[in-house]
Amino acid sequence: MTRNSLVASLVLSLMIPVVAEARELFEETFDDLPDYTSSEELDLEGWSFRRNGEVNWSPSNGYPNKHDAFEILEENADKARGGTGKSFVGWRESYDPGWNQWNSDGILMKHLPGGFDQLYVSFYIRFSPDWTRGGTSKIFRIYSWNEEGSPFSFFSDGNAGPLFDWKYSYSGTYGMRNFLTFRGGPYGENYDIDNNDMDDVPRNFSNQGDLSLNFTKDTAGMSLDGSTPEILDKVNGGYISDDMNQTVTHEQIFGDSDNWTKMAFYVQMNSAPGVNDGVVMQWINDELVFRNNSVNWVGDNSKNMMVNWNAVALGGNDFFREHPNSERREEWYSIDDVVISTEIPDFVAIPNPPSNISIEQEGGG
């Protein structure tokens, strides 16, 4: 695919069935996996690595009625999609160690040897009835791992990068956030990303490449035709865009605790080191809510190398301290029906295609 026909090709893939369907690389319902918790050594068919760190109140630490960082258990069937089978159940702890530490670090990672220039990943998520409207929890990431050392070394001198991460984040002042994290590469170089590494960003990056977006004005123009996404308001009916000045709540985006929300993400590597033409897209219930085709995922580097996306991971640690340590507070979220593909599926559709896009004929071969 030529880069100057990217938008046109994406529009086609989202409007009509394509001749070459997306190649599905991996699908996981969790139902056929053995019972497992993250404190055990990894032996899960189809999955590659796991991390279980900084869990204060778990059975392995002497608290039999508490939980490890994540679980895949038959007894959690009520937390699985459809009410039967199993799912990935992540647990976060509200804990304040007296400094800005992130806790409850549980990650399940799928390694894709050889990697791919582009990946599309979808899954369904729901949150516990007592989920606190506050804190930040890492839920999902796609990244490039150098296949040496720890696949969870997410630092400027580490083994991972570039990286894209989606976090759950809620602010008592600003409401529900769409928290997207960008890190550059290749691993060991260019880890921190700023506004020079992406054009047309809704707001300035904070920290090393974090975007904390709202679900109103920051979504304006994100649909492929330049319109504003129609995100269903699960409390008031209609769409979030009906009131672009509101503070959006958790329930408006994710509904009540029985509701499953489909999340999906697409990343495509930039064409060469230092070129701002990489792609990222995000959907909620198949509605495109964020897109950018100017990401400098791999910057100019000492080896002039490009890398591929070869790792997809669920879970992560949490910055969550809304309750006193004495409560030993735990809350869960559940992820089910994970699909990893090489292309955006043809069933992700938009009506009324824009009339001002020219379609280039691809060369044969």
Protein backbone atom coordinates (compact mmCIF):
# COMPACT_ATOMS: atom_id res chain seq x y z
CA MET A 1 0.00 0.00 0.00
CA THR A 2 1.37 3.40 -0.91
CA ARG A 3 1.36 5.96 1.86
CA ASN A 4 -0.43 8.64 -0.15
CA SER A 5 -3.38 6.29 -0.65
CA LEU A 6 -3.58 5.32 3.03
CA VAL A 7 -6.69 7.29 3.92
CA ALA A 8 -8.49 6.23 0.77
CA SER A 9 -7.68 2.58 1.38
CA LEU A 10 -8.77 2.82 5.00
CA VAL A 11 -12.07 4.37 3.95
CA LEU A 12 -12.64 1.54 1.50
CA SER A 13 -11.81 -1.08 4.10
CA LEU A 14 -14.29 0.47 6.52
CA MET A 15 -17.13 0.89 4.00
CA ILE A 16 -17.23 -2.21 1.84
CA PRO A 17 -16.03 -5.82 1.96
CA VAL A 18 -12.48 -6.17 0.70
CA VAL A 19 -11.17 -8.91 -1.55
CA ALA A 20 -8.38 -9.91 0.81
CA GLU A 21 -9.90 -10.39 4.26
CA ALA A 22 -7.98 -9.56 7.41
CA ARG A 23 -5.60 -12.35 8.37
CA GLU A 24 -6.48 -13.44 11.87
CA LEU A 25 -3.34 -14.19 13.86
CA PHE A 26 -4.78 -15.08 17.24
CA GLU A 27 -8.13 -15.46 19.00
CA GLU A 28 -8.70 -16.09 22.69
CA THR A 29 -11.95 -16.79 24.54
CA PHE A 30 -10.03 -18.09 27.63
CA ASP A 31 -12.64 -20.87 28.01
CA ASP A 32 -10.27 -23.71 27.14
CA LEU A 33 -7.36 -22.53 29.26
CA PRO A 34 -6.64 -24.24 32.61
CA ASP A 35 -7.42 -22.39 35.80
CA TYR A 36 -4.61 -19.96 36.38
CA THR A 37 -3.56 -17.00 38.52
CA SER A 38 -0.66 -14.67 37.82
CA SER A 39 1.44 -15.84 40.78
CA GLU A 40 1.91 -19.21 39.05
CA GLU A 41 4.60 -19.92 36.49
CA LEU A 42 3.26 -19.41 32.96
CA ASP A 43 1.98 -22.50 31.15
CA LEU A 44 -0.90 -21.14 29.11
CA GLU A 45 -1.21 -22.40 25.54
CA GLY A 46 -1.04 -19.54 23.06
CA TRP A 47 0.38 -17.00 25.54
CA SER A 48 4.05 -16.21 25.85
CA PHE A 49 4.91 -14.35 29.08
CA ARG A 50 3.31 -13.16 32.27
CA ARG A 51 4.20 -10.65 34.94
CA ASN A 52 2.97 -10.64 38.55
CA GLY A 53 4.42 -7.79 40.56
CA GLU A 54 3.73 -5.38 43.41
CA VAL A 55 0.62 -7.16 44.69
CA ASN A 56 0.18 -6.48 48.40
CA TRP A 57 -2.87 -8.51 49.37
CA SER A 58 -2.87 -11.80 47.48
CA PRO A 59 -3.22 -15.45 48.51
CA SER A 60 0.49 -15.93 47.85
CA ASN A 61 1.18 -13.12 50.36
CA GLY A 62 -0.98 -14.66 53.08
CA TYR A 63 -4.37 -13.16 52.24
CA PRO A 64 -6.47 -16.15 51.07
CA ASN A 65 -9.59 -14.08 50.46
CA LYS A 66 -7.80 -11.61 48.20
CA HIS A 67 -6.58 -11.95 44.63
CA ASP A 68 -3.47 -12.10 42.49
CA ALA A 69 -2.90 -9.38 39.88
CA PHE A 70 -4.95 -11.36 37.35
CA GLU A 71 -6.93 -14.60 37.18
CA ILE A 72 -8.33 -16.97 34.57
CA LEU A 73 -10.67 -19.15 36.61
CA GLU A 74 -13.78 -21.27 36.14
CA GLU A 75 -15.17 -19.83 39.37
CA ASN A 76 -15.18 -16.41 37.66
CA ALA A 77 -17.74 -17.54 35.06
CA ASP A 78 -20.01 -14.71 36.17
CA LYS A 79 -17.31 -12.32 34.96
CA ALA A 80 -17.05 -13.94 31.50
CA ARG A 81 -18.92 -12.70 28.44
CA GLY A 82 -22.20 -14.58 28.24
CA GLY A 83 -21.99 -15.63 31.90
CA THR A 84 -20.21 -18.92 31.14
CA GLY A 85 -16.62 -19.97 30.55
CA LYS A 86 -13.63 -17.90 31.56
CA SER A 87 -12.08 -14.50 30.98
CA PHE A 88 -9.02 -12.46 31.93
CA VAL A 89 -9.90 -10.84 35.28
CA GLY A 90 -7.51 -8.11 36.39
CA TRP A 91 -7.49 -6.88 39.99
CA ARG A 92 -6.29 -3.46 41.09
CA GLU A 93 -5.47 -2.48 44.65
CA SER A 94 -5.95 0.92 46.23
CA TYR A 95 -2.61 1.44 47.91
CA ASP A 96 -0.54 4.47 48.83
CA PRO A 97 3.09 3.60 49.68
CA GLY A 98 3.89 7.24 50.40
CA TRP A 99 5.35 8.01 46.97
CA ASN A 100 4.24 7.90 43.35
CA GLN A 101 4.47 4.14 42.93
CA TRP A 102 2.28 2.16 40.53
CA ASN A 103 0.96 -1.10 42.02
CA SER A 104 -0.82 -4.38 41.17
CA ASP A 105 1.30 -5.11 38.11
CA GLY A 106 -0.23 -8.08 36.28
CA ILE A 107 0.45 -8.53 32.54
CA LEU A 108 -0.33 -11.35 30.10
CA MET A 109 1.63 -11.01 26.84
CA LYS A 110 1.32 -12.60 23.39
CA HIS A 111 4.54 -12.63 21.36
CA LEU A 112 4.23 -12.58 17.56
CA PRO A 113 7.62 -13.80 16.23
CA GLY A 114 8.84 -11.85 13.25
CA GLY A 115 6.34 -9.09 13.86
CA PHE A 116 4.06 -7.19 11.51
CA ASP A 117 4.02 -3.72 10.01
CA GLN A 118 0.44 -3.28 11.19
CA LEU A 119 -1.90 -4.87 13.72
CA TYR A 120 -5.59 -4.63 14.63
CA VAL A 121 -6.63 -5.86 18.09
CA SER A 122 -10.12 -6.01 19.58
CA PHE A 123 -11.52 -7.22 22.89
CA TYR A 124 -14.52 -6.76 25.19
CA ILE A 125 -14.27 -5.24 28.66
CA ARG A 126 -16.52 -4.69 31.68
CA PHE A 127 -15.94 -3.32 35.17
CA SER A 128 -16.98 -4.48 38.64
CA PRO A 129 -20.12 -3.01 40.28
CA ASP A 130 -18.01 -1.30 42.95
CA TRP A 131 -15.48 0.14 40.47
CA THR A 132 -14.24 3.48 41.84
CA ARG A 133 -14.59 6.48 39.54
CA GLY A 134 -10.98 7.47 40.00
CA GLY A 135 -7.41 6.39 39.49
CA THR A 136 -5.53 5.20 36.42
CA SER A 137 -5.10 1.58 35.33
CA LYS A 138 -3.07 0.24 32.43
CA ILE A 139 -5.31 -2.13 30.46
CA PHE A 140 -3.82 -2.84 27.04
CA ARG A 141 -0.69 -2.27 24.94
CA ILE A 142 0.85 -3.10 21.55
CA TYR A 143 4.60 -2.79 21.19
CA SER A 144 7.86 -3.95 19.68
CA TRP A 145 10.11 -6.13 21.83
CA ASN A 146 13.75 -6.80 20.95
CA GLU A 147 13.31 -10.49 21.91
CA GLU A 148 16.19 -10.19 24.35
CA GLY A 149 15.81 -9.86 28.09
CA SER A 150 12.56 -9.00 29.82
CA PRO A 151 9.60 -8.26 27.53
CA PHE A 152 8.35 -5.94 30.29
CA SER A 153 11.29 -3.54 30.35
CA PHE A 154 9.38 -0.38 29.41
CA PHE A 155 12.05 2.27 29.83
CA SER A 156 14.21 4.53 27.69
CA ASP A 157 17.08 2.02 27.99
CA GLY A 158 14.82 -1.03 27.97
CA ASN A 159 13.85 -3.83 25.60
CA ALA A 160 10.58 -2.39 24.29
CA GLY A 161 9.68 0.38 21.88
CA PRO A 162 7.85 1.74 20.10
CA LEU A 163 4.77 1.19 22.25
CA PHE A 164 1.09 2.16 22.28
CA ASP A 165 -0.89 1.85 25.51
CA TRP A 166 -4.54 2.42 26.50
CA LYS A 167 -5.34 3.18 30.12
CA TYR A 168 -8.53 3.49 32.12
CA SER A 169 -8.44 6.93 33.73
CA TYR A 170 -11.03 8.95 35.63
CA SER A 171 -10.66 12.40 37.13
CA GLY A 172 -13.02 13.74 39.76
CA THR A 173 -12.74 17.14 38.06
CA TYR A 174 -12.68 16.20 34.39
CA GLY A 175 -14.58 12.93 34.36
CA MET A 176 -13.90 9.99 32.07
CA ARG A 177 -10.61 10.29 30.18
CA ASN A 178 -9.41 8.58 27.03
CA PHE A 179 -5.81 8.03 28.14
CA LEU A 180 -3.47 7.08 25.28
CA THR A 181 0.27 6.56 25.73
CA PHE A 182 2.85 6.75 22.94
CA ARG A 183 6.48 5.68 23.22
CA GLY A 184 9.03 5.68 20.42
CA GLY A 185 11.76 3.38 19.21
CA PRO A 186 13.58 1.40 18.22
CA TYR A 187 14.07 -0.12 21.68
CA GLY A 188 16.76 1.71 23.57
CA GLU A 189 16.42 4.93 21.56
CA ASN A 190 13.83 7.70 21.04
CA TYR A 191 11.61 6.35 23.82
CA ASP A 192 10.12 9.72 24.79
CA ILE A 193 7.66 11.18 22.29
CA ASP A 194 6.60 14.82 22.03
CA ASN A 195 4.52 16.98 19.70
CA ASN A 196 7.27 16.94 17.07
CA ASP A 197 6.62 13.22 16.65
CA MET A 198 2.94 13.58 15.73
CA ASP A 199 0.99 16.20 13.76
CA ASP A 200 -2.52 17.46 14.55
CA VAL A 201 -2.54 16.22 18.14
CA PRO A 202 -5.69 17.35 20.04
CA ARG A 203 -3.58 18.68 22.91
CA ASN A 204 0.06 18.77 24.02
CA PHE A 205 1.68 15.56 25.19
CA SER A 206 2.44 15.32 28.87
CA ASN A 207 5.25 13.37 30.48
CA GLN A 208 7.02 11.12 27.91
CA GLY A 209 4.19 10.92 25.39
CA ASP A 210 0.87 10.73 27.25
CA LEU A 211 -2.42 12.07 25.92
CA SER A 212 -5.27 12.46 28.41
CA LEU A 213 -8.22 13.22 26.13
CA ASN A 214 -11.87 13.88 26.83
CA PHE A 215 -14.75 12.22 24.97
CA THR A 216 -16.24 15.48 23.72
CA LYS A 217 -14.20 18.20 22.01
CA ASP A 218 -11.10 16.00 21.66
CA THR A 219 -13.11 13.62 19.46
CA ALA A 220 -14.19 16.35 17.01
CA GLY A 221 -13.27 15.46 13.44
CA MET A 222 -11.99 12.00 14.29
CA SER A 223 -14.35 10.12 11.96
CA LEU A 224 -12.80 9.31 8.59
CA ASP A 225 -15.09 11.80 6.83
CA GLY A 226 -14.03 14.56 9.24
CA SER A 227 -17.21 14.47 11.30
CA THR A 228 -17.46 13.86 15.05
CA PRO A 229 -17.93 10.26 16.23
CA GLU A 230 -21.35 9.19 17.43
CA ILE A 231 -20.41 7.58 20.74
CA LEU A 232 -23.51 6.14 22.36
CA ASP A 233 -24.47 7.78 25.65
CA LYS A 234 -25.39 4.73 27.76
CA VAL A 235 -27.06 6.83 30.45
CA ASN A 236 -29.03 9.55 28.68
CA GLY A 237 -29.54 7.99 25.27
CA GLY A 238 -28.43 9.71 22.08
CA TYR A 239 -24.74 10.48 21.62
CA ILE A 240 -21.99 12.03 23.73
CA SER A 241 -21.55 14.64 20.96
CA ASP A 242 -25.07 15.95 21.65
CA ASP A 243 -23.49 18.05 24.42
CA MET A 244 -19.85 18.86 23.72
CA ASN A 245 -19.51 20.90 26.94
CA GLN A 246 -20.41 18.15 29.38
CA THR A 247 -18.18 16.23 31.78
CA VAL A 248 -18.57 12.61 30.70
CA THR A 249 -19.06 9.90 33.33
CA HIS A 250 -17.86 6.30 33.45
CA GLU A 251 -21.41 5.02 32.93
CA GLN A 252 -21.96 7.12 29.81
CA ILE A 253 -19.08 5.34 28.07
CA PHE A 254 -19.09 1.87 29.65
CA GLY A 255 -22.66 1.50 30.94
CA ASP A 256 -23.46 -0.40 34.13
CA SER A 257 -21.45 -3.31 35.49
CA ASP A 258 -23.31 -5.88 33.36
CA ASN A 259 -22.41 -4.14 30.11
CA TRP A 260 -19.61 -5.27 27.80
CA THR A 261 -17.85 -2.62 25.74
CA LYS A 262 -15.92 -3.52 22.62
CA MET A 263 -12.53 -1.79 22.36
CA ALA A 264 -10.38 -1.97 19.22
CA PHE A 265 -7.05 -0.49 18.16
CA TYR A 266 -5.00 -0.36 14.96
CA VAL A 267 -1.36 0.60 14.64
CA GLN A 268 0.81 0.86 11.55
CA MET A 269 4.53 1.52 11.62
CA ASN A 270 5.96 4.61 9.94
CA SER A 271 7.58 4.05 6.54
CA ALA A 272 11.17 4.87 7.57
CA PRO A 273 13.09 6.18 10.60
CA GLY A 274 12.15 9.76 11.42
CA VAL A 275 9.15 9.93 9.07
CA ASN A 276 5.88 11.16 10.59
CA ASP A 277 3.50 8.83 8.75
CA GLY A 278 2.74 6.03 11.22
CA VAL A 279 -0.91 5.35 12.03
CA VAL A 280 -2.99 4.79 15.15
CA MET A 281 -6.77 4.31 15.30
CA GLN A 282 -9.16 3.54 18.16
CA TRP A 283 -12.75 2.32 18.15
CA ILE A 284 -15.38 1.98 20.87
CA ASN A 285 -18.16 -0.43 19.89
CA ASP A 286 -16.89 -0.18 16.26
CA GLU A 287 -17.20 3.64 16.30
CA LEU A 288 -13.94 5.34 15.36
CA VAL A 289 -13.10 7.77 18.18
CA PHE A 290 -9.42 8.56 17.58
CA ARG A 291 -7.14 8.50 14.54
CA ASN A 292 -3.82 9.93 13.49
CA ASN A 293 -1.65 9.09 10.47
CA SER A 294 1.40 11.18 11.36
CA VAL A 295 3.12 9.23 14.16
CA ASN A 296 6.91 8.99 14.19
CA TRP A 297 6.95 5.58 15.88
CA VAL A 298 10.57 4.83 14.95
CA GLY A 299 12.80 7.90 14.99
CA ASP A 300 16.22 8.48 13.49
CA ASN A 301 18.52 6.02 15.24
CA SER A 302 22.13 4.92 15.44
CA LYS A 303 21.56 1.72 13.43
CA ASN A 304 19.11 3.23 10.94
CA MET A 305 16.81 0.30 11.70
CA MET A 306 13.07 -0.27 11.51
CA VAL A 307 11.17 -2.69 13.72
CA ASN A 308 7.78 -4.40 13.67
CA TRP A 309 4.92 -4.78 16.11
CA ASN A 310 5.46 -8.17 17.75
CA ALA A 311 3.84 -7.99 21.20
CA VAL A 312 0.28 -7.56 22.48
CA ALA A 313 -0.40 -7.45 26.22
CA LEU A 314 -3.35 -7.30 28.59
CA GLY A 315 -3.25 -5.73 32.02
CA GLY A 316 -0.61 -3.62 33.72
CA ASN A 317 -0.08 -1.68 36.90
CA ASP A 318 -2.28 0.94 38.54
CA PHE A 319 -1.96 4.38 40.09
CA PHE A 320 -4.95 3.98 42.39
CA ARG A 321 -5.10 5.31 45.95
CA GLU A 322 -8.69 6.49 46.40
CA HIS A 323 -9.22 4.30 49.50
CA PRO A 324 -7.09 4.01 52.68
CA ASN A 325 -4.59 1.16 52.84
CA SER A 326 -6.42 -0.23 55.88
CA GLU A 327 -9.40 -1.18 53.67
CA ARG A 328 -7.26 -3.46 51.48
CA ARG A 329 -9.52 -2.44 48.64
CA GLU A 330 -9.58 -4.58 45.47
CA GLU A 331 -11.59 -3.99 42.28
CA TRP A 332 -11.78 -6.06 39.11
CA TYR A 333 -12.18 -5.57 35.39
CA SER A 334 -12.74 -8.42 32.94
CA ILE A 335 -11.50 -8.84 29.35
CA ASP A 336 -12.89 -11.46 26.97
CA ASP A 337 -12.88 -12.50 23.30
CA VAL A 338 -9.53 -11.10 22.20
CA VAL A 339 -8.78 -11.04 18.45
CA ILE A 340 -5.48 -10.05 16.80
CA SER A 341 -5.46 -9.47 13.02
CA THR A 342 -3.20 -7.98 10.39
CA GLU A 343 -5.88 -5.68 8.93
CA ILE A 344 -8.92 -3.67 9.94
CA PRO A 345 -11.93 -6.02 9.51
CA ASP A 346 -14.32 -5.20 6.69
CA PHE A 347 -17.35 -5.24 9.03
CA VAL A 348 -16.17 -2.04 10.75
CA ALA A 349 -18.32 0.28 8.63
CA ILE A 350 -19.21 3.95 8.27
CA PRO A 351 -22.25 5.26 6.37
CA ASN A 352 -22.28 8.03 3.77
CA PRO A 353 -18.69 7.94 2.50
CA PRO A 354 -17.12 11.33 1.80
CA SER A 355 -17.23 12.40 -1.84
CA ASN A 356 -13.91 14.26 -1.94
CA ILE A 357 -11.59 11.25 -1.63
CA SER A 358 -9.83 9.97 -4.74
CA ILE A 359 -9.06 6.25 -4.88
CA GLU A 360 -5.73 5.21 -6.34
CA GLN A 361 -5.45 2.00 -8.33
CA GLU A 362 -2.90 -0.31 -6.72
CA GLY A 363 -0.36 -1.96 -8.99
CA GLY A 364 -0.78 -5.65 -9.82
CA GLY A 365 1.63 -8.35 -8.87
